[in-house]
Structures are given as structure tokens and as C-alpha cells.
């Protein structure tokens, strides 16, 4: 049922909604979204597994999601970070949850350069 409010939102703000930058982005973006959803699921699942060893895990979940909000590109684009910090951040799963799929959609990352991100997504998803 989320499709109806989303369609209304897109219709109201259609001059600000960008179409995919290329045909390749149209084909590659859904694959990236599926891998991102799987990565997010398995991170949440791993956090839920802490409940078998700890009585209270809400603090860990809050810290993880706060760091995820900062390190995944929700708050600001990761392009503004210094190159060294950006390289270190790419070793974590966080940029692949938001920044990576959006960069594919906007064609800032080419399909031939997506291999490393997809390998990271797939390794976290399996």
C-alpha cells in the first residue's frame, strides 16, 4: 500500500524527481536495490542474534543505526569526505546501503565499476 502515497509524492514533486541517468542505470539499479535490501536484512539479523547472549540489545542497535545514518550517505553525500576516510568507509557495509545504489541511479558510478560494491553486497548477503 506504500505505492499510493509514493505515487502522490512523485506527482506533486515531479519537477524535482530525476529519471535514471542512463539505460544501464535502469538495468543495474534494481539489482543494487535487491542486494542492498539483503545486506540491510542480514545486518539487522546479526544484531538480533545478540539477544541470545545479552539481555538488553537496544543500545547496540541504536549505536549501529546512528552510525549507519552517518556513514551510509543519509545525512550528507560521501563525496565530501577526505579521500582516505572515504576509502576506509568503503571497507564497511554502510556506504553500500544508501550511497552506492544512489550513485548507480545517478550514473556517478558506472556499471563496469560496480563489481567491488556488488561483491561486498553479495558477501554480506550470503
N, C-alpha and C. Protein backbone atom coordinates (compact mmCIF):
# COMPACT_ATOMS: atom_id res chain seq x y z
N UNK A 1 0.80 -1.21 0.00
CA UNK A 1 0.00 0.00 0.00
C UNK A 1 0.84 1.26 0.00
N UNK A 2 2.14 1.13 0.07
CA UNK A 2 3.01 2.31 0.06
C UNK A 2 3.10 2.92 -1.33
N UNK A 3 2.63 2.22 -2.33
CA UNK A 3 2.74 2.73 -3.71
C UNK A 3 1.85 3.96 -3.92
N UNK A 4 0.71 4.01 -3.27
CA UNK A 4 -0.22 5.14 -3.46
C UNK A 4 0.38 6.45 -2.92
N UNK A 5 0.85 6.50 -1.66
CA UNK A 5 1.46 7.75 -1.19
C UNK A 5 2.73 8.11 -1.97
N UNK A 6 3.49 7.11 -2.36
CA UNK A 6 4.69 7.38 -3.15
C UNK A 6 4.34 7.98 -4.51
N UNK A 7 3.31 7.45 -5.15
CA UNK A 7 2.88 7.98 -6.45
C UNK A 7 2.38 9.42 -6.31
N UNK A 8 1.65 9.70 -5.24
CA UNK A 8 1.17 11.07 -4.99
C UNK A 8 2.36 12.01 -4.77
N UNK A 9 3.33 11.55 -3.99
CA UNK A 9 4.53 12.36 -3.73
C UNK A 9 5.29 12.65 -5.02
N UNK A 10 5.49 11.63 -5.84
CA UNK A 10 6.22 11.82 -7.09
C UNK A 10 5.46 12.74 -8.03
N UNK A 11 4.14 12.62 -8.08
CA UNK A 11 3.35 13.52 -8.93
C UNK A 11 3.42 14.97 -8.46
N UNK A 12 3.39 15.17 -7.16
CA UNK A 12 3.44 16.54 -6.63
C UNK A 12 4.80 17.19 -6.85
N UNK A 13 5.86 16.40 -6.77
CA UNK A 13 7.22 16.95 -6.87
C UNK A 13 7.95 16.43 -8.10
N UNK A 14 7.22 16.22 -9.19
CA UNK A 14 7.82 15.60 -10.38
C UNK A 14 8.92 16.43 -11.01
N UNK A 15 8.91 17.75 -10.83
CA UNK A 15 9.98 18.55 -11.42
C UNK A 15 11.30 18.35 -10.68
N UNK A 16 11.27 17.78 -9.47
CA UNK A 16 12.50 17.54 -8.70
C UNK A 16 12.95 16.08 -8.75
N UNK A 17 12.12 15.19 -9.24
CA UNK A 17 12.47 13.77 -9.31
C UNK A 17 13.19 13.52 -10.63
N UNK A 18 14.41 13.04 -10.53
CA UNK A 18 15.23 12.80 -11.71
C UNK A 18 15.00 11.39 -12.24
N UNK A 19 14.90 11.24 -13.53
CA UNK A 19 14.85 9.89 -14.10
C UNK A 19 16.24 9.27 -14.04
N UNK A 20 16.33 7.96 -14.21
CA UNK A 20 17.67 7.35 -14.24
C UNK A 20 18.53 8.00 -15.32
N UNK A 21 19.82 8.10 -15.03
CA UNK A 21 20.72 8.84 -15.91
C UNK A 21 20.99 8.14 -17.23
N UNK A 22 20.85 6.82 -17.26
CA UNK A 22 21.13 6.08 -18.49
C UNK A 22 20.33 4.78 -18.49
N UNK A 23 20.32 4.12 -19.63
CA UNK A 23 19.65 2.83 -19.73
C UNK A 23 20.36 1.79 -18.87
N UNK A 24 21.66 1.89 -18.79
CA UNK A 24 22.42 0.97 -17.94
C UNK A 24 22.00 1.14 -16.48
N UNK A 25 21.80 2.36 -16.05
CA UNK A 25 21.35 2.61 -14.67
C UNK A 25 19.98 1.99 -14.42
N UNK A 26 19.11 2.02 -15.44
CA UNK A 26 17.78 1.41 -15.30
C UNK A 26 17.91 -0.09 -15.07
N UNK A 27 18.87 -0.72 -15.71
CA UNK A 27 19.05 -2.16 -15.60
C UNK A 27 19.82 -2.57 -14.35
N UNK A 28 20.79 -1.77 -13.96
CA UNK A 28 21.67 -2.14 -12.86
C UNK A 28 21.10 -1.72 -11.50
N UNK A 29 20.36 -0.63 -11.45
CA UNK A 29 19.83 -0.11 -10.19
C UNK A 29 18.95 -1.12 -9.45
N UNK A 30 18.02 -1.83 -10.08
CA UNK A 30 17.21 -2.80 -9.33
C UNK A 30 18.04 -3.93 -8.70
N UNK A 31 19.08 -4.36 -9.38
CA UNK A 31 19.97 -5.38 -8.81
C UNK A 31 20.64 -4.83 -7.55
N UNK A 32 21.08 -3.60 -7.64
CA UNK A 32 21.71 -2.96 -6.49
C UNK A 32 20.72 -2.81 -5.33
N UNK A 33 19.48 -2.50 -5.63
CA UNK A 33 18.47 -2.38 -4.58
C UNK A 33 18.22 -3.71 -3.87
N UNK A 34 18.15 -4.78 -4.64
CA UNK A 34 17.93 -6.10 -4.04
C UNK A 34 19.10 -6.47 -3.13
N UNK A 35 20.32 -6.26 -3.61
CA UNK A 35 21.48 -6.57 -2.79
C UNK A 35 21.55 -5.68 -1.55
N UNK A 36 21.15 -4.43 -1.68
CA UNK A 36 21.12 -3.53 -0.54
C UNK A 36 20.09 -3.99 0.49
N UNK A 37 18.93 -4.41 0.03
CA UNK A 37 17.91 -4.90 0.95
C UNK A 37 18.39 -6.15 1.69
N UNK A 38 19.06 -7.03 0.98
CA UNK A 38 19.59 -8.23 1.63
C UNK A 38 20.68 -7.87 2.65
N UNK A 39 21.54 -6.94 2.30
CA UNK A 39 22.58 -6.50 3.22
C UNK A 39 21.97 -5.90 4.48
N UNK A 40 20.98 -5.05 4.32
CA UNK A 40 20.31 -4.46 5.47
C UNK A 40 19.62 -5.52 6.33
N UNK A 41 19.00 -6.49 5.70
CA UNK A 41 18.35 -7.57 6.44
C UNK A 41 19.36 -8.35 7.27
N UNK A 42 20.49 -8.70 6.67
CA UNK A 42 21.46 -9.51 7.40
C UNK A 42 22.18 -8.74 8.49
N UNK A 43 22.35 -7.44 8.33
CA UNK A 43 22.90 -6.64 9.42
C UNK A 43 21.91 -6.60 10.58
N UNK A 44 20.65 -6.40 10.28
CA UNK A 44 19.62 -6.40 11.33
C UNK A 44 19.51 -7.77 11.98
N UNK A 45 19.62 -8.81 11.19
CA UNK A 45 19.55 -10.18 11.70
C UNK A 45 20.73 -10.46 12.64
N UNK A 46 21.91 -10.00 12.26
CA UNK A 46 23.09 -10.20 13.11
C UNK A 46 22.93 -9.45 14.44
N UNK A 47 22.35 -8.27 14.38
CA UNK A 47 22.10 -7.53 15.63
C UNK A 47 21.07 -8.25 16.48
N UNK A 48 20.07 -8.84 15.86
CA UNK A 48 19.05 -9.57 16.61
C UNK A 48 19.63 -10.81 17.27
N UNK A 49 20.67 -11.38 16.66
CA UNK A 49 21.31 -12.57 17.25
C UNK A 49 22.00 -12.25 18.57
N UNK A 50 22.32 -10.98 18.80
CA UNK A 50 22.90 -10.59 20.08
C UNK A 50 21.97 -10.88 21.25
N UNK A 51 20.68 -10.96 20.99
CA UNK A 51 19.70 -11.19 22.05
C UNK A 51 19.89 -12.56 22.70
N UNK A 52 20.58 -13.47 22.02
CA UNK A 52 20.83 -14.77 22.62
C UNK A 52 21.90 -14.71 23.69
N UNK A 53 22.75 -13.67 23.65
CA UNK A 53 23.84 -13.57 24.61
C UNK A 53 23.69 -12.41 25.58
N UNK A 54 22.95 -11.40 25.19
CA UNK A 54 22.80 -10.21 26.02
C UNK A 54 21.34 -9.99 26.36
N UNK A 55 21.10 -9.41 27.52
CA UNK A 55 19.73 -9.16 27.94
C UNK A 55 19.14 -7.92 27.26
N UNK A 56 19.96 -6.92 27.07
CA UNK A 56 19.49 -5.65 26.50
C UNK A 56 20.33 -5.30 25.29
N UNK A 57 19.72 -5.31 24.10
CA UNK A 57 20.49 -5.01 22.89
C UNK A 57 20.06 -3.70 22.23
N UNK A 58 19.12 -3.00 22.82
CA UNK A 58 18.62 -1.78 22.19
C UNK A 58 19.71 -0.71 22.07
N UNK A 59 20.64 -0.67 23.01
CA UNK A 59 21.74 0.29 22.93
C UNK A 59 22.63 -0.01 21.72
N UNK A 60 22.94 -1.29 21.52
CA UNK A 60 23.77 -1.67 20.37
C UNK A 60 23.07 -1.34 19.05
N UNK A 61 21.79 -1.59 19.00
CA UNK A 61 21.03 -1.30 17.79
C UNK A 61 20.98 0.21 17.54
N UNK A 62 20.79 0.98 18.59
CA UNK A 62 20.77 2.44 18.44
C UNK A 62 22.12 2.96 17.94
N UNK A 63 23.21 2.46 18.50
CA UNK A 63 24.55 2.89 18.07
C UNK A 63 24.80 2.50 16.62
N UNK A 64 24.44 1.27 16.26
CA UNK A 64 24.64 0.82 14.88
C UNK A 64 23.84 1.66 13.90
N UNK A 65 22.57 1.90 14.20
CA UNK A 65 21.74 2.66 13.27
C UNK A 65 22.15 4.13 13.22
N UNK A 66 22.65 4.69 14.32
CA UNK A 66 23.15 6.06 14.29
C UNK A 66 24.39 6.16 13.42
N UNK A 67 25.30 5.19 13.57
CA UNK A 67 26.49 5.19 12.73
C UNK A 67 26.12 4.93 11.27
N UNK A 68 25.16 4.05 11.06
CA UNK A 68 24.69 3.77 9.69
C UNK A 68 24.11 5.02 9.05
N UNK A 69 23.40 5.81 9.80
CA UNK A 69 22.80 7.03 9.28
C UNK A 69 23.88 8.00 8.81
N UNK A 70 24.97 8.08 9.56
CA UNK A 70 26.06 8.98 9.19
C UNK A 70 26.92 8.41 8.06
N UNK A 71 27.24 7.12 8.13
CA UNK A 71 28.24 6.54 7.24
C UNK A 71 27.67 6.00 5.93
N UNK A 72 26.36 6.03 5.78
CA UNK A 72 25.79 5.47 4.55
C UNK A 72 25.36 6.54 3.55
N UNK A 73 25.49 7.78 3.91
CA UNK A 73 25.12 8.84 3.00
C UNK A 73 23.72 9.36 3.21
N UNK A 74 23.07 8.99 4.29
CA UNK A 74 21.73 9.53 4.56
C UNK A 74 21.80 11.01 4.90
N UNK A 75 22.78 11.40 5.69
CA UNK A 75 22.86 12.76 6.19
C UNK A 75 23.56 13.71 5.23
N UNK A 76 24.61 13.22 4.57
CA UNK A 76 25.37 14.03 3.62
C UNK A 76 26.00 13.09 2.60
N UNK A 77 26.28 13.59 1.39
CA UNK A 77 26.92 12.73 0.40
C UNK A 77 28.35 12.41 0.82
N UNK A 78 28.74 11.18 0.58
CA UNK A 78 30.07 10.74 1.00
C UNK A 78 31.17 11.33 0.14
N UNK A 79 30.82 11.98 -0.95
CA UNK A 79 31.82 12.62 -1.81
C UNK A 79 32.54 13.77 -1.12
N UNK A 80 31.95 14.34 -0.09
CA UNK A 80 32.58 15.49 0.56
C UNK A 80 33.63 15.07 1.59
N UNK A 81 33.75 13.78 1.86
CA UNK A 81 34.73 13.30 2.82
C UNK A 81 36.13 13.31 2.21
N UNK A 82 37.16 13.41 3.05
CA UNK A 82 38.53 13.29 2.54
C UNK A 82 38.73 11.90 1.92
N UNK A 83 39.58 11.80 0.90
CA UNK A 83 39.75 10.51 0.20
C UNK A 83 40.14 9.35 1.11
N UNK A 84 41.01 9.58 2.08
CA UNK A 84 41.43 8.49 2.97
C UNK A 84 40.26 7.98 3.80
N UNK A 85 39.48 8.89 4.36
CA UNK A 85 38.32 8.50 5.15
C UNK A 85 37.28 7.78 4.29
N UNK A 86 37.13 8.24 3.07
CA UNK A 86 36.18 7.60 2.16
C UNK A 86 36.63 6.18 1.82
N UNK A 87 37.92 5.97 1.61
CA UNK A 87 38.43 4.63 1.34
C UNK A 87 38.23 3.71 2.54
N UNK A 88 38.46 4.22 3.73
CA UNK A 88 38.25 3.42 4.94
C UNK A 88 36.78 3.09 5.09
N UNK A 89 35.93 4.05 4.81
CA UNK A 89 34.49 3.84 4.94
C UNK A 89 33.98 2.78 3.96
N UNK A 90 34.60 2.69 2.79
CA UNK A 90 34.19 1.69 1.81
C UNK A 90 34.55 0.26 2.23
N UNK A 91 35.32 0.11 3.28
CA UNK A 91 35.61 -1.22 3.82
C UNK A 91 34.51 -1.70 4.76
N UNK A 92 33.58 -0.83 5.07
CA UNK A 92 32.45 -1.19 5.93
C UNK A 92 31.21 -1.40 5.05
N UNK A 93 30.17 -2.00 5.59
CA UNK A 93 28.97 -2.20 4.77
C UNK A 93 28.09 -0.96 4.62
N UNK A 94 28.37 0.09 5.33
CA UNK A 94 27.45 1.22 5.39
C UNK A 94 27.27 1.98 4.08
N UNK A 95 28.31 2.29 3.31
CA UNK A 95 28.08 3.03 2.06
C UNK A 95 27.25 2.25 1.05
N UNK A 96 27.23 0.95 1.17
CA UNK A 96 26.50 0.12 0.21
C UNK A 96 25.01 0.04 0.52
N UNK A 97 24.58 0.67 1.60
CA UNK A 97 23.17 0.67 1.96
C UNK A 97 22.41 1.85 1.38
N UNK A 98 23.08 2.94 1.09
CA UNK A 98 22.38 4.10 0.54
C UNK A 98 23.18 4.78 -0.57
N UNK A 99 24.41 5.10 -0.29
CA UNK A 99 25.23 5.88 -1.22
C UNK A 99 25.49 5.13 -2.52
N UNK A 100 25.83 3.87 -2.43
CA UNK A 100 26.18 3.08 -3.61
C UNK A 100 25.00 2.94 -4.58
N UNK A 101 23.80 2.54 -4.13
CA UNK A 101 22.68 2.46 -5.09
C UNK A 101 22.30 3.81 -5.70
N UNK A 102 22.36 4.87 -4.91
CA UNK A 102 22.03 6.19 -5.44
C UNK A 102 23.07 6.64 -6.46
N UNK A 103 24.34 6.33 -6.21
CA UNK A 103 25.36 6.70 -7.18
C UNK A 103 25.20 5.93 -8.48
N UNK A 104 24.69 4.71 -8.42
CA UNK A 104 24.38 3.96 -9.65
C UNK A 104 23.23 4.63 -10.38
N UNK A 105 22.18 4.99 -9.65
CA UNK A 105 21.00 5.62 -10.25
C UNK A 105 21.35 6.93 -10.94
N UNK A 106 22.22 7.70 -10.33
CA UNK A 106 22.62 8.99 -10.90
C UNK A 106 23.78 8.88 -11.87
N UNK A 107 24.23 7.66 -12.15
CA UNK A 107 25.34 7.36 -13.07
C UNK A 107 26.64 8.00 -12.63
N UNK A 108 26.83 8.16 -11.34
CA UNK A 108 28.13 8.60 -10.82
C UNK A 108 29.08 7.42 -10.72
N UNK A 109 28.52 6.24 -10.73
CA UNK A 109 29.31 5.02 -10.73
C UNK A 109 28.87 4.21 -11.94
N UNK A 110 29.79 3.87 -12.77
CA UNK A 110 29.50 3.13 -14.00
C UNK A 110 29.29 1.65 -13.69
N UNK A 111 28.58 0.97 -14.56
CA UNK A 111 28.28 -0.46 -14.35
C UNK A 111 29.55 -1.29 -14.30
N UNK A 112 30.55 -0.92 -15.08
CA UNK A 112 31.78 -1.72 -15.08
C UNK A 112 32.57 -1.52 -13.78
N UNK A 113 32.29 -0.45 -13.05
CA UNK A 113 32.97 -0.18 -11.79
C UNK A 113 32.18 -0.66 -10.57
N UNK A 114 31.08 -1.32 -10.79
CA UNK A 114 30.22 -1.75 -9.69
C UNK A 114 30.63 -3.09 -9.10
N UNK A 115 31.59 -3.75 -9.70
CA UNK A 115 31.98 -5.08 -9.26
C UNK A 115 32.36 -5.16 -7.80
N UNK A 116 33.18 -4.22 -7.33
CA UNK A 116 33.63 -4.26 -5.93
C UNK A 116 32.45 -4.07 -4.98
N UNK A 117 31.57 -3.15 -5.30
CA UNK A 117 30.40 -2.93 -4.43
C UNK A 117 29.46 -4.12 -4.42
N UNK A 118 29.26 -4.72 -5.58
CA UNK A 118 28.38 -5.89 -5.64
C UNK A 118 29.00 -7.07 -4.92
N UNK A 119 30.32 -7.23 -5.03
CA UNK A 119 30.97 -8.32 -4.31
C UNK A 119 30.80 -8.12 -2.81
N UNK A 120 30.91 -6.86 -2.36
CA UNK A 120 30.73 -6.59 -0.94
C UNK A 120 29.30 -6.87 -0.53
N UNK A 121 28.33 -6.41 -1.33
CA UNK A 121 26.93 -6.67 -1.02
C UNK A 121 26.64 -8.16 -1.00
N UNK A 122 27.14 -8.89 -2.00
CA UNK A 122 26.87 -10.32 -2.09
C UNK A 122 27.54 -11.09 -0.97
N UNK A 123 28.74 -10.67 -0.57
CA UNK A 123 29.41 -11.38 0.51
C UNK A 123 28.70 -11.14 1.84
N UNK A 124 28.13 -9.96 2.02
CA UNK A 124 27.35 -9.70 3.22
C UNK A 124 25.99 -10.36 3.18
N UNK A 125 25.52 -10.65 1.99
CA UNK A 125 24.18 -11.24 1.85
C UNK A 125 24.19 -12.75 1.89
N UNK A 126 25.35 -13.36 1.78
CA UNK A 126 25.37 -14.83 1.78
C UNK A 126 25.90 -15.39 3.06
